[in-house]
Amino acid sequence: MPCAIEIGKEMFGEQAKELAKIPMSNDTVKRRIAFMSEDIVLQCIDRLRGNDFVIQLDDSTDISKMSHLLTYVRYVWNKGIKEDFLFCKELKTTKSDDIFKLLDDFITSAEISRTN
């Protein structure tokens, strides 16, 4: 937070002191990020319900050799095509059965229709 105040002072002068009044403990920031993230996912899920959409899957391995499934969706929204990142989940293996189960579990828990 001290960095943000210094940046604010450079940009806005003394008005940046208002930044110090914002509670920014690690727990507060973590909680706010988690809340915003959950809200974004719920908005995306709501848009998918009852709409036509396509899913793009990508598996990726990080530097610690952990595999992840990255899932993107494209759907019609406000007379245009919208693309959103849907989720990233850890994969135990990269076998097609495991990938399908992970995707199926997410779709089932989100109550998204499988038929368009």
C-alpha atoms as a PDB file:
ATOM      1  CA  MET A   1       0.000   0.000   0.000  1.00  0.00           C
ATOM      2  CA  PRO A   2       2.790   2.521   0.652  1.00  0.00           C
ATOM      3  CA  CYS A   3       3.804   2.151  -3.007  1.00  0.00           C
ATOM      4  CA  ALA A   4       0.290   3.039  -4.142  1.00  0.00           C
ATOM      5  CA  ILE A   5       0.303   6.148  -1.979  1.00  0.00           C
ATOM      6  CA  GLU A   6       3.652   7.262  -3.425  1.00  0.00           C
ATOM      7  CA  ILE A   7       2.406   6.660  -6.966  1.00  0.00           C
ATOM      8  CA  GLY A   8      -0.765   8.546  -6.126  1.00  0.00           C
ATOM      9  CA  LYS A   9       1.229  11.505  -4.779  1.00  0.00           C
ATOM     10  CA  GLU A  10       3.174  11.698  -8.033  1.00  0.00           C
ATOM     11  CA  MET A  11      -0.015  11.622 -10.072  1.00  0.00           C
ATOM     12  CA  PHE A  12      -2.478  13.553  -7.928  1.00  0.00           C
ATOM     13  CA  GLY A  13      -0.452  15.518  -5.402  1.00  0.00           C
ATOM     14  CA  GLU A  14      -1.770  15.851  -1.878  1.00  0.00           C
ATOM     15  CA  GLN A  15      -5.159  14.364  -2.785  1.00  0.00           C
ATOM     16  CA  ALA A  16      -3.428  10.981  -2.671  1.00  0.00           C
ATOM     17  CA  LYS A  17      -3.607  11.089   1.130  1.00  0.00           C
ATOM     18  CA  GLU A  18      -7.173   9.837   0.715  1.00  0.00           C
ATOM     19  CA  LEU A  19      -5.723   6.469  -0.338  1.00  0.00           C
ATOM     20  CA  ALA A  20      -4.420   5.944   3.188  1.00  0.00           C
ATOM     21  CA  LYS A  21      -8.011   5.931   4.472  1.00  0.00           C
ATOM     22  CA  ILE A  22      -8.853   2.797   2.475  1.00  0.00           C
ATOM     23  CA  PRO A  23      -8.460  -0.378   4.559  1.00  0.00           C
ATOM     24  CA  MET A  24      -5.897  -2.478   2.728  1.00  0.00           C
ATOM     25  CA  SER A  25      -4.734  -5.274   4.993  1.00  0.00           C
ATOM     26  CA  ASN A  26      -3.747  -8.488   3.248  1.00  0.00           C
ATOM     27  CA  ASP A  27      -6.950 -10.156   4.429  1.00  0.00           C
ATOM     28  CA  THR A  28      -9.100  -7.288   3.142  1.00  0.00           C
ATOM     29  CA  VAL A  29      -7.467  -7.311  -0.280  1.00  0.00           C
ATOM     30  CA  LYS A  30      -7.642 -11.098  -0.503  1.00  0.00           C
ATOM     31  CA  ARG A  31     -11.320 -11.085   0.471  1.00  0.00           C
ATOM     32  CA  ARG A  32     -12.170  -8.345  -2.056  1.00  0.00           C
ATOM     33  CA  ILE A  33     -10.334 -10.115  -4.884  1.00  0.00           C
ATOM     34  CA  ALA A  34     -12.087 -13.402  -4.059  1.00  0.00           C
ATOM     35  CA  PHE A  35     -15.472 -11.638  -3.984  1.00  0.00           C
ATOM     36  CA  MET A  36     -14.886  -9.915  -7.340  1.00  0.00           C
ATOM     37  CA  SER A  37     -13.603 -13.138  -8.902  1.00  0.00           C
ATOM     38  CA  GLU A  38     -16.628 -15.123  -7.746  1.00  0.00           C
ATOM     39  CA  ASP A  39     -18.959 -12.401  -9.013  1.00  0.00           C
ATOM     40  CA  ILE A  40     -17.320 -12.427 -12.462  1.00  0.00           C
ATOM     41  CA  VAL A  41     -17.641 -16.218 -12.731  1.00  0.00           C
ATOM     42  CA  LEU A  42     -21.309 -16.067 -11.671  1.00  0.00           C
ATOM     43  CA  GLN A  43     -22.031 -13.380 -14.278  1.00  0.00           C
ATOM     44  CA  CYS A  44     -20.412 -15.524 -16.964  1.00  0.00           C
ATOM     45  CA  ILE A  45     -22.364 -18.612 -15.874  1.00  0.00           C
ATOM     46  CA  ASP A  46     -25.630 -16.635 -15.941  1.00  0.00           C
ATOM     47  CA  ARG A  47     -24.871 -15.538 -19.508  1.00  0.00           C
ATOM     48  CA  LEU A  48     -24.226 -19.129 -20.577  1.00  0.00           C
ATOM     49  CA  ARG A  49     -27.489 -20.454 -19.200  1.00  0.00           C
ATOM     50  CA  GLY A  50     -29.983 -20.553 -22.027  1.00  0.00           C
ATOM     51  CA  ASN A  51     -27.518 -19.242 -24.636  1.00  0.00           C
ATOM     52  CA  ASP A  52     -25.598 -21.001 -27.367  1.00  0.00           C
ATOM     53  CA  PHE A  53     -21.909 -21.250 -26.544  1.00  0.00           C
ATOM     54  CA  VAL A  54     -18.740 -23.068 -27.502  1.00  0.00           C
ATOM     55  CA  ILE A  55     -15.963 -24.191 -25.208  1.00  0.00           C
ATOM     56  CA  GLN A  56     -12.244 -24.095 -25.861  1.00  0.00           C
ATOM     57  CA  LEU A  57      -9.974 -26.202 -23.663  1.00  0.00           C
ATOM     58  CA  ASP A  58      -6.241 -25.941 -23.207  1.00  0.00           C
ATOM     59  CA  ASP A  59      -3.995 -27.880 -20.903  1.00  0.00           C
ATOM     60  CA  SER A  60      -0.863 -26.281 -19.601  1.00  0.00           C
ATOM     61  CA  THR A  61       1.981 -27.391 -17.362  1.00  0.00           C
ATOM     62  CA  ASP A  62       3.597 -24.898 -15.006  1.00  0.00           C
ATOM     63  CA  ILE A  63       7.208 -24.825 -13.844  1.00  0.00           C
ATOM     64  CA  SER A  64       6.456 -27.189 -10.965  1.00  0.00           C
ATOM     65  CA  LYS A  65       5.170 -29.804 -13.458  1.00  0.00           C
ATOM     66  CA  MET A  66       1.533 -29.318 -12.393  1.00  0.00           C
ATOM     67  CA  SER A  67      -1.015 -29.657 -15.198  1.00  0.00           C
ATOM     68  CA  HIS A  68      -3.922 -27.227 -15.439  1.00  0.00           C
ATOM     69  CA  LEU A  69      -7.032 -27.153 -17.568  1.00  0.00           C
ATOM     70  CA  LEU A  70      -7.782 -23.673 -18.917  1.00  0.00           C
ATOM     71  CA  THR A  71     -11.337 -23.251 -20.153  1.00  0.00           C
ATOM     72  CA  TYR A  72     -12.628 -20.450 -22.362  1.00  0.00           C
ATOM     73  CA  VAL A  73     -16.152 -19.876 -23.659  1.00  0.00           C
ATOM     74  CA  ARG A  74     -17.533 -17.942 -26.598  1.00  0.00           C
ATOM     75  CA  TYR A  75     -21.186 -16.966 -26.684  1.00  0.00           C
ATOM     76  CA  VAL A  76     -23.590 -14.453 -28.149  1.00  0.00           C
ATOM     77  CA  TRP A  77     -24.087 -11.397 -25.961  1.00  0.00           C
ATOM     78  CA  ASN A  78     -25.647  -8.041 -26.923  1.00  0.00           C
ATOM     79  CA  LYS A  79     -25.721  -9.004 -30.625  1.00  0.00           C
ATOM     80  CA  GLY A  80     -22.015  -9.818 -30.660  1.00  0.00           C
ATOM     81  CA  ILE A  81     -19.643 -12.649 -29.903  1.00  0.00           C
ATOM     82  CA  LYS A  82     -18.095 -12.471 -26.441  1.00  0.00           C
ATOM     83  CA  GLU A  83     -15.136 -14.530 -25.255  1.00  0.00           C
ATOM     84  CA  ASP A  84     -14.501 -15.128 -21.561  1.00  0.00           C
ATOM     85  CA  PHE A  85     -12.115 -17.138 -19.440  1.00  0.00           C
ATOM     86  CA  LEU A  86     -14.332 -19.573 -17.552  1.00  0.00           C
ATOM     87  CA  PHE A  87     -12.013 -21.435 -15.172  1.00  0.00           C
ATOM     88  CA  CYS A  88      -8.597 -22.934 -14.503  1.00  0.00           C
ATOM     89  CA  LYS A  89      -8.471 -26.203 -12.571  1.00  0.00           C
ATOM     90  CA  GLU A  90      -5.636 -28.534 -11.650  1.00  0.00           C
ATOM     91  CA  LEU A  91      -5.504 -31.796 -13.603  1.00  0.00           C
ATOM     92  CA  LYS A  92      -4.385 -35.026 -11.962  1.00  0.00           C
ATOM     93  CA  THR A  93      -3.548 -36.446 -15.411  1.00  0.00           C
ATOM     94  CA  THR A  94      -4.000 -35.180 -18.961  1.00  0.00           C
ATOM     95  CA  LYS A  95      -6.054 -38.192 -20.033  1.00  0.00           C
ATOM     96  CA  SER A  96      -9.215 -37.331 -21.942  1.00  0.00           C
ATOM     97  CA  ASP A  97     -11.404 -39.043 -19.311  1.00  0.00           C
ATOM     98  CA  ASP A  98     -10.006 -36.830 -16.551  1.00  0.00           C
ATOM     99  CA  ILE A  99     -10.409 -33.683 -18.652  1.00  0.00           C
ATOM    100  CA  PHE A 100     -14.004 -34.608 -19.498  1.00  0.00           C
ATOM    101  CA  LYS A 101     -14.831 -35.359 -15.853  1.00  0.00           C
ATOM    102  CA  LEU A 102     -13.412 -32.017 -14.679  1.00  0.00           C
ATOM    103  CA  LEU A 103     -15.403 -30.114 -17.304  1.00  0.00           C
ATOM    104  CA  ASP A 104     -18.544 -32.170 -16.660  1.00  0.00           C
ATOM    105  CA  ASP A 105     -18.304 -31.567 -12.896  1.00  0.00           C
ATOM    106  CA  PHE A 106     -18.032 -27.801 -13.448  1.00  0.00           C
ATOM    107  CA  ILE A 107     -20.962 -27.690 -15.887  1.00  0.00           C
ATOM    108  CA  THR A 108     -23.099 -29.823 -13.564  1.00  0.00           C
ATOM    109  CA  SER A 109     -22.324 -27.736 -10.462  1.00  0.00           C
ATOM    110  CA  ALA A 110     -22.968 -24.494 -12.386  1.00  0.00           C
ATOM    111  CA  GLU A 111     -26.279 -25.879 -13.719  1.00  0.00           C
ATOM    112  CA  ILE A 112     -25.392 -25.010 -17.313  1.00  0.00           C
ATOM    113  CA  SER A 113     -27.422 -26.803 -19.982  1.00  0.00           C
ATOM    114  CA  ARG A 114     -25.467 -29.172 -22.190  1.00  0.00           C
ATOM    115  CA  THR A 115     -27.892 -28.756 -25.070  1.00  0.00           C
ATOM    116  CA  ASN A 116     -28.043 -25.564 -27.069  1.00  0.00           C
END
